[in-house]
């Protein structure tokens, strides 16, 4: 017969392990650090593109936001929030790029979806989270997955602001606020 205290302890351990698996690594890149340069294939409005951070920075500051996987609940919300705010970013001369290691086979569809990106910003594939690793934007216990971390990068290639939180709710407002201070 299994005793109740044992079941409670097992449930507590299971909850703790689950929380640790979801816990993001803190963004180790800080304002003032040099942003790693990268090139990656991706999509804009369902059409293939080749993203190059150095080229984008010549046109103005860039928000690089990492998200775990296309077509997942939090990522859908975050993409929609960036899509709705894209004109506010453009008014500040800032472009937005989403980067993910998850569901990369569905990025074309995700980029064109009127419920998500609405074709308003580029999303790029990061197989194996190689770019995310350079940005210290991987999930702590699942390093092959991007965590939900946003970086504002200035035209000088330096990190101007960061926001790391699995909740998608504050990333856009945090990046807009930081962009307003450039």
C-alpha atoms as a PDB file:
ATOM      1  CA  UNK A   1       0.000   0.000   0.000  1.00  0.00           C
ATOM      2  CA  UNK A   2       1.369   3.408  -0.995  1.00  0.00           C
ATOM      3  CA  UNK A   3       1.165   6.005   1.750  1.00  0.00           C
ATOM      4  CA  UNK A   4      -0.178   9.515   1.263  1.00  0.00           C
ATOM      5  CA  UNK A   5       3.074  11.304   2.311  1.00  0.00           C
ATOM      6  CA  UNK A   6       4.963   9.343  -0.352  1.00  0.00           C
ATOM      7  CA  UNK A   7       2.446  10.414  -3.010  1.00  0.00           C
ATOM      8  CA  UNK A   8       2.721  14.052  -1.923  1.00  0.00           C
ATOM      9  CA  UNK A   9       6.511  13.908  -2.040  1.00  0.00           C
ATOM     10  CA  UNK A  10       6.420  12.283  -5.508  1.00  0.00           C
ATOM     11  CA  UNK A  11       4.023  14.968  -6.737  1.00  0.00           C
ATOM     12  CA  UNK A  12       6.252  17.722  -5.326  1.00  0.00           C
ATOM     13  CA  UNK A  13       9.357  16.270  -6.993  1.00  0.00           C
ATOM     14  CA  UNK A  14       7.515  15.926 -10.313  1.00  0.00           C
ATOM     15  CA  UNK A  15       6.339  19.552 -10.109  1.00  0.00           C
ATOM     16  CA  UNK A  16       9.858  20.770  -9.311  1.00  0.00           C
ATOM     17  CA  UNK A  17      11.422  18.861 -12.227  1.00  0.00           C
ATOM     18  CA  UNK A  18       8.735  20.165 -14.595  1.00  0.00           C
ATOM     19  CA  UNK A  19       9.366  23.744 -13.453  1.00  0.00           C
ATOM     20  CA  UNK A  20      13.121  23.344 -13.973  1.00  0.00           C
ATOM     21  CA  UNK A  21      12.639  22.004 -17.500  1.00  0.00           C
ATOM     22  CA  UNK A  22      10.599  25.085 -18.398  1.00  0.00           C
ATOM     23  CA  UNK A  23      12.850  27.575 -16.597  1.00  0.00           C
ATOM     24  CA  UNK A  24      14.770  29.785 -19.040  1.00  0.00           C
ATOM     25  CA  UNK A  25      18.433  30.489 -18.647  1.00  0.00           C
ATOM     26  CA  UNK A  26      18.931  34.131 -17.737  1.00  0.00           C
ATOM     27  CA  UNK A  27      20.043  36.245 -20.655  1.00  0.00           C
ATOM     28  CA  UNK A  28      23.797  36.332 -20.138  1.00  0.00           C
ATOM     29  CA  UNK A  29      24.375  38.993 -22.806  1.00  0.00           C
ATOM     30  CA  UNK A  30      23.961  42.389 -21.190  1.00  0.00           C
ATOM     31  CA  UNK A  31      23.595  45.934 -22.494  1.00  0.00           C
ATOM     32  CA  UNK A  32      26.961  47.031 -23.841  1.00  0.00           C
ATOM     33  CA  UNK A  33      27.970  43.532 -24.998  1.00  0.00           C
ATOM     34  CA  UNK A  34      28.640  42.981 -28.688  1.00  0.00           C
ATOM     35  CA  UNK A  35      25.809  41.071 -30.365  1.00  0.00           C
ATOM     36  CA  UNK A  36      26.961  37.945 -32.204  1.00  0.00           C
ATOM     37  CA  UNK A  37      26.511  38.361 -35.957  1.00  0.00           C
ATOM     38  CA  UNK A  38      24.524  35.725 -37.813  1.00  0.00           C
ATOM     39  CA  UNK A  39      22.946  34.814 -41.121  1.00  0.00           C
ATOM     40  CA  UNK A  40      19.983  32.460 -41.325  1.00  0.00           C
ATOM     41  CA  UNK A  41      17.312  31.274 -43.739  1.00  0.00           C
ATOM     42  CA  UNK A  42      13.780  32.254 -42.937  1.00  0.00           C
ATOM     43  CA  UNK A  43      10.517  33.684 -44.191  1.00  0.00           C
ATOM     44  CA  UNK A  44       8.630  36.915 -44.601  1.00  0.00           C
ATOM     45  CA  UNK A  45       4.948  36.592 -45.441  1.00  0.00           C
ATOM     46  CA  UNK A  46       5.540  32.956 -46.394  1.00  0.00           C
ATOM     47  CA  UNK A  47       8.294  33.759 -48.888  1.00  0.00           C
ATOM     48  CA  UNK A  48      11.866  32.500 -48.337  1.00  0.00           C
ATOM     49  CA  UNK A  49      14.434  35.100 -47.269  1.00  0.00           C
ATOM     50  CA  UNK A  50      18.063  35.101 -46.189  1.00  0.00           C
ATOM     51  CA  UNK A  51      18.468  37.164 -43.038  1.00  0.00           C
ATOM     52  CA  UNK A  52      21.793  38.866 -42.329  1.00  0.00           C
ATOM     53  CA  UNK A  53      22.053  40.776 -39.037  1.00  0.00           C
ATOM     54  CA  UNK A  54      24.973  42.950 -40.210  1.00  0.00           C
ATOM     55  CA  UNK A  55      22.985  44.101 -43.265  1.00  0.00           C
ATOM     56  CA  UNK A  56      19.897  44.799 -41.159  1.00  0.00           C
ATOM     57  CA  UNK A  57      21.897  46.868 -38.656  1.00  0.00           C
ATOM     58  CA  UNK A  58      23.107  49.119 -41.490  1.00  0.00           C
ATOM     59  CA  UNK A  59      19.440  50.150 -41.912  1.00  0.00           C
ATOM     60  CA  UNK A  60      18.773  50.725 -38.202  1.00  0.00           C
ATOM     61  CA  UNK A  61      18.441  49.023 -34.808  1.00  0.00           C
ATOM     62  CA  UNK A  62      17.055  45.484 -34.704  1.00  0.00           C
ATOM     63  CA  UNK A  63      14.989  43.590 -32.143  1.00  0.00           C
ATOM     64  CA  UNK A  64      16.084  39.957 -32.226  1.00  0.00           C
ATOM     65  CA  UNK A  65      13.568  37.930 -30.295  1.00  0.00           C
ATOM     66  CA  UNK A  66      14.002  34.239 -29.596  1.00  0.00           C
ATOM     67  CA  UNK A  67      10.954  32.030 -29.148  1.00  0.00           C
ATOM     68  CA  UNK A  68      10.679  28.300 -28.409  1.00  0.00           C
ATOM     69  CA  UNK A  69       8.522  27.067 -31.325  1.00  0.00           C
ATOM     70  CA  UNK A  70       6.111  28.254 -33.998  1.00  0.00           C
ATOM     71  CA  UNK A  71       2.455  27.395 -33.447  1.00  0.00           C
ATOM     72  CA  UNK A  72       2.700  26.996 -29.683  1.00  0.00           C
ATOM     73  CA  UNK A  73       0.498  29.003 -27.348  1.00  0.00           C
ATOM     74  CA  UNK A  74       3.003  31.502 -25.924  1.00  0.00           C
ATOM     75  CA  UNK A  75       4.810  31.915 -29.234  1.00  0.00           C
ATOM     76  CA  UNK A  76       1.544  32.581 -31.046  1.00  0.00           C
ATOM     77  CA  UNK A  77       0.725  35.319 -28.535  1.00  0.00           C
ATOM     78  CA  UNK A  78       4.180  36.872 -28.745  1.00  0.00           C
ATOM     79  CA  UNK A  79       4.228  36.881 -32.570  1.00  0.00           C
ATOM     80  CA  UNK A  80       0.790  38.490 -32.632  1.00  0.00           C
ATOM     81  CA  UNK A  81       1.891  41.180 -30.149  1.00  0.00           C
ATOM     82  CA  UNK A  82       4.969  41.997 -32.269  1.00  0.00           C
ATOM     83  CA  UNK A  83       2.790  42.018 -35.392  1.00  0.00           C
ATOM     84  CA  UNK A  84       0.320  44.484 -33.857  1.00  0.00           C
ATOM     85  CA  UNK A  85       3.174  46.756 -32.692  1.00  0.00           C
ATOM     86  CA  UNK A  86       5.293  46.582 -35.851  1.00  0.00           C
ATOM     87  CA  UNK A  87       4.309  50.082 -37.021  1.00  0.00           C
ATOM     88  CA  UNK A  88       5.425  51.494 -33.655  1.00  0.00           C
ATOM     89  CA  UNK A  89       8.810  49.831 -34.125  1.00  0.00           C
ATOM     90  CA  UNK A  90       9.059  51.163 -37.701  1.00  0.00           C
ATOM     91  CA  UNK A  91       8.329  54.708 -36.488  1.00  0.00           C
ATOM     92  CA  UNK A  92      11.397  54.338 -34.254  1.00  0.00           C
ATOM     93  CA  UNK A  93      13.450  52.990 -37.181  1.00  0.00           C
ATOM     94  CA  UNK A  94      13.650  49.526 -35.594  1.00  0.00           C
ATOM     95  CA  UNK A  95      13.133  46.237 -37.428  1.00  0.00           C
ATOM     96  CA  UNK A  96      12.033  42.985 -35.777  1.00  0.00           C
ATOM     97  CA  UNK A  97      13.265  39.445 -36.408  1.00  0.00           C
ATOM     98  CA  UNK A  98      11.990  36.294 -34.713  1.00  0.00           C
ATOM     99  CA  UNK A  99      14.376  33.358 -34.263  1.00  0.00           C
ATOM    100  CA  UNK A 100      13.369  29.813 -33.311  1.00  0.00           C
ATOM    101  CA  UNK A 101      14.742  26.304 -33.132  1.00  0.00           C
ATOM    102  CA  UNK A 102      11.271  24.744 -32.822  1.00  0.00           C
ATOM    103  CA  UNK A 103       8.833  23.698 -35.561  1.00  0.00           C
ATOM    104  CA  UNK A 104      11.113  25.182 -38.208  1.00  0.00           C
ATOM    105  CA  UNK A 105       9.383  23.085 -40.861  1.00  0.00           C
ATOM    106  CA  UNK A 106       6.299  25.294 -40.333  1.00  0.00           C
ATOM    107  CA  UNK A 107       7.971  28.737 -40.354  1.00  0.00           C
ATOM    108  CA  UNK A 108       6.717  29.691 -43.837  1.00  0.00           C
ATOM    109  CA  UNK A 109       3.145  29.068 -42.723  1.00  0.00           C
ATOM    110  CA  UNK A 110       3.750  30.814 -39.369  1.00  0.00           C
ATOM    111  CA  UNK A 111       5.219  33.918 -41.036  1.00  0.00           C
ATOM    112  CA  UNK A 112       2.222  34.311 -43.329  1.00  0.00           C
ATOM    113  CA  UNK A 113      -0.495  33.498 -40.793  1.00  0.00           C
ATOM    114  CA  UNK A 114      -2.864  36.411 -40.161  1.00  0.00           C
ATOM    115  CA  UNK A 115      -3.274  35.137 -36.599  1.00  0.00           C
ATOM    116  CA  UNK A 116       0.450  35.356 -35.844  1.00  0.00           C
ATOM    117  CA  UNK A 117       3.135  37.268 -37.773  1.00  0.00           C
ATOM    118  CA  UNK A 118       0.739  38.518 -40.463  1.00  0.00           C
ATOM    119  CA  UNK A 119       3.687  38.769 -42.844  1.00  0.00           C
ATOM    120  CA  UNK A 120       4.877  41.893 -41.025  1.00  0.00           C
ATOM    121  CA  UNK A 121       8.311  40.727 -39.845  1.00  0.00           C
ATOM    122  CA  UNK A 122      10.837  38.042 -40.650  1.00  0.00           C
ATOM    123  CA  UNK A 123      11.188  34.768 -38.778  1.00  0.00           C
ATOM    124  CA  UNK A 124      14.270  32.610 -39.179  1.00  0.00           C
ATOM    125  CA  UNK A 125      15.165  29.002 -38.506  1.00  0.00           C
ATOM    126  CA  UNK A 126      17.794  28.124 -35.928  1.00  0.00           C
ATOM    127  CA  UNK A 127      18.291  24.341 -36.184  1.00  0.00           C
ATOM    128  CA  UNK A 128      19.837  23.008 -32.992  1.00  0.00           C
ATOM    129  CA  UNK A 129      19.557  26.483 -31.389  1.00  0.00           C
ATOM    130  CA  UNK A 130      23.048  27.417 -32.644  1.00  0.00           C
ATOM    131  CA  UNK A 131      22.225  31.126 -32.840  1.00  0.00           C
ATOM    132  CA  UNK A 132      20.359  31.000 -29.530  1.00  0.00           C
ATOM    133  CA  UNK A 133      23.458  29.491 -27.885  1.00  0.00           C
ATOM    134  CA  UNK A 134      25.577  32.424 -29.106  1.00  0.00           C
ATOM    135  CA  UNK A 135      23.043  34.749 -27.472  1.00  0.00           C
ATOM    136  CA  UNK A 136      22.729  32.668 -24.297  1.00  0.00           C
ATOM    137  CA  UNK A 137      19.063  32.292 -25.149  1.00  0.00           C
ATOM    138  CA  UNK A 138      18.424  28.591 -24.624  1.00  0.00           C
ATOM    139  CA  UNK A 139      16.251  26.834 -22.104  1.00  0.00           C
ATOM    140  CA  UNK A 140      18.409  25.817 -19.132  1.00  0.00           C
ATOM    141  CA  UNK A 141      17.610  22.097 -19.173  1.00  0.00           C
ATOM    142  CA  UNK A 142      16.670  21.892 -22.839  1.00  0.00           C
ATOM    143  CA  UNK A 143      19.571  23.630 -24.626  1.00  0.00           C
ATOM    144  CA  UNK A 144      18.356  22.575 -28.093  1.00  0.00           C
ATOM    145  CA  UNK A 145      15.375  24.901 -27.670  1.00  0.00           C
ATOM    146  CA  UNK A 146      15.301  28.675 -27.805  1.00  0.00           C
ATOM    147  CA  UNK A 147      14.110  30.383 -24.691  1.00  0.00           C
ATOM    148  CA  UNK A 148      11.889  33.468 -24.844  1.00  0.00           C
ATOM    149  CA  UNK A 149      14.489  36.251 -24.820  1.00  0.00           C
ATOM    150  CA  UNK A 150      14.454  39.565 -26.674  1.00  0.00           C
ATOM    151  CA  UNK A 151      17.422  41.780 -27.488  1.00  0.00           C
ATOM    152  CA  UNK A 152      17.464  45.312 -28.863  1.00  0.00           C
ATOM    153  CA  UNK A 153      20.659  45.732 -30.883  1.00  0.00           C
ATOM    154  CA  UNK A 154      21.916  49.178 -31.874  1.00  0.00           C
ATOM    155  CA  UNK A 155      23.474  50.084 -35.207  1.00  0.00           C
ATOM    156  CA  UNK A 156      26.874  49.866 -33.494  1.00  0.00           C
ATOM    157  CA  UNK A 157      26.264  46.128 -33.010  1.00  0.00           C
ATOM    158  CA  UNK A 158      25.946  46.478 -29.229  1.00  0.00           C
ATOM    159  CA  UNK A 159      23.132  45.104 -27.077  1.00  0.00           C
ATOM    160  CA  UNK A 160      21.025  48.055 -25.897  1.00  0.00           C
ATOM    161  CA  UNK A 161      18.381  46.139 -23.904  1.00  0.00           C
ATOM    162  CA  UNK A 162      17.333  42.594 -22.998  1.00  0.00           C
ATOM    163  CA  UNK A 163      14.162  40.965 -21.753  1.00  0.00           C
ATOM    164  CA  UNK A 164      14.050  37.285 -20.782  1.00  0.00           C
ATOM    165  CA  UNK A 165      10.801  35.780 -19.538  1.00  0.00           C
ATOM    166  CA  UNK A 166       8.815  32.728 -20.624  1.00  0.00           C
ATOM    167  CA  UNK A 167       5.672  34.856 -20.445  1.00  0.00           C
ATOM    168  CA  UNK A 168       5.214  36.553 -23.833  1.00  0.00           C
ATOM    169  CA  UNK A 169       3.315  39.523 -22.413  1.00  0.00           C
ATOM    170  CA  UNK A 170       6.065  42.085 -21.689  1.00  0.00           C
ATOM    171  CA  UNK A 171       8.575  41.496 -24.492  1.00  0.00           C
ATOM    172  CA  UNK A 172       7.036  43.958 -26.947  1.00  0.00           C
ATOM    173  CA  UNK A 173       6.471  46.754 -24.449  1.00  0.00           C
ATOM    174  CA  UNK A 174       9.973  46.280 -23.014  1.00  0.00           C
ATOM    175  CA  UNK A 175      11.599  46.480 -26.448  1.00  0.00           C
ATOM    176  CA  UNK A 176       9.452  49.461 -27.503  1.00  0.00           C
ATOM    177  CA  UNK A 177      10.379  51.311 -24.332  1.00  0.00           C
ATOM    178  CA  UNK A 178      14.077  50.621 -24.904  1.00  0.00           C
ATOM    179  CA  UNK A 179      13.802  51.649 -28.576  1.00  0.00           C
ATOM    180  CA  UNK A 180      12.312  54.967 -27.465  1.00  0.00           C
ATOM    181  CA  UNK A 181      15.509  55.667 -25.488  1.00  0.00           C
ATOM    182  CA  UNK A 182      17.861  55.210 -28.469  1.00  0.00           C
END
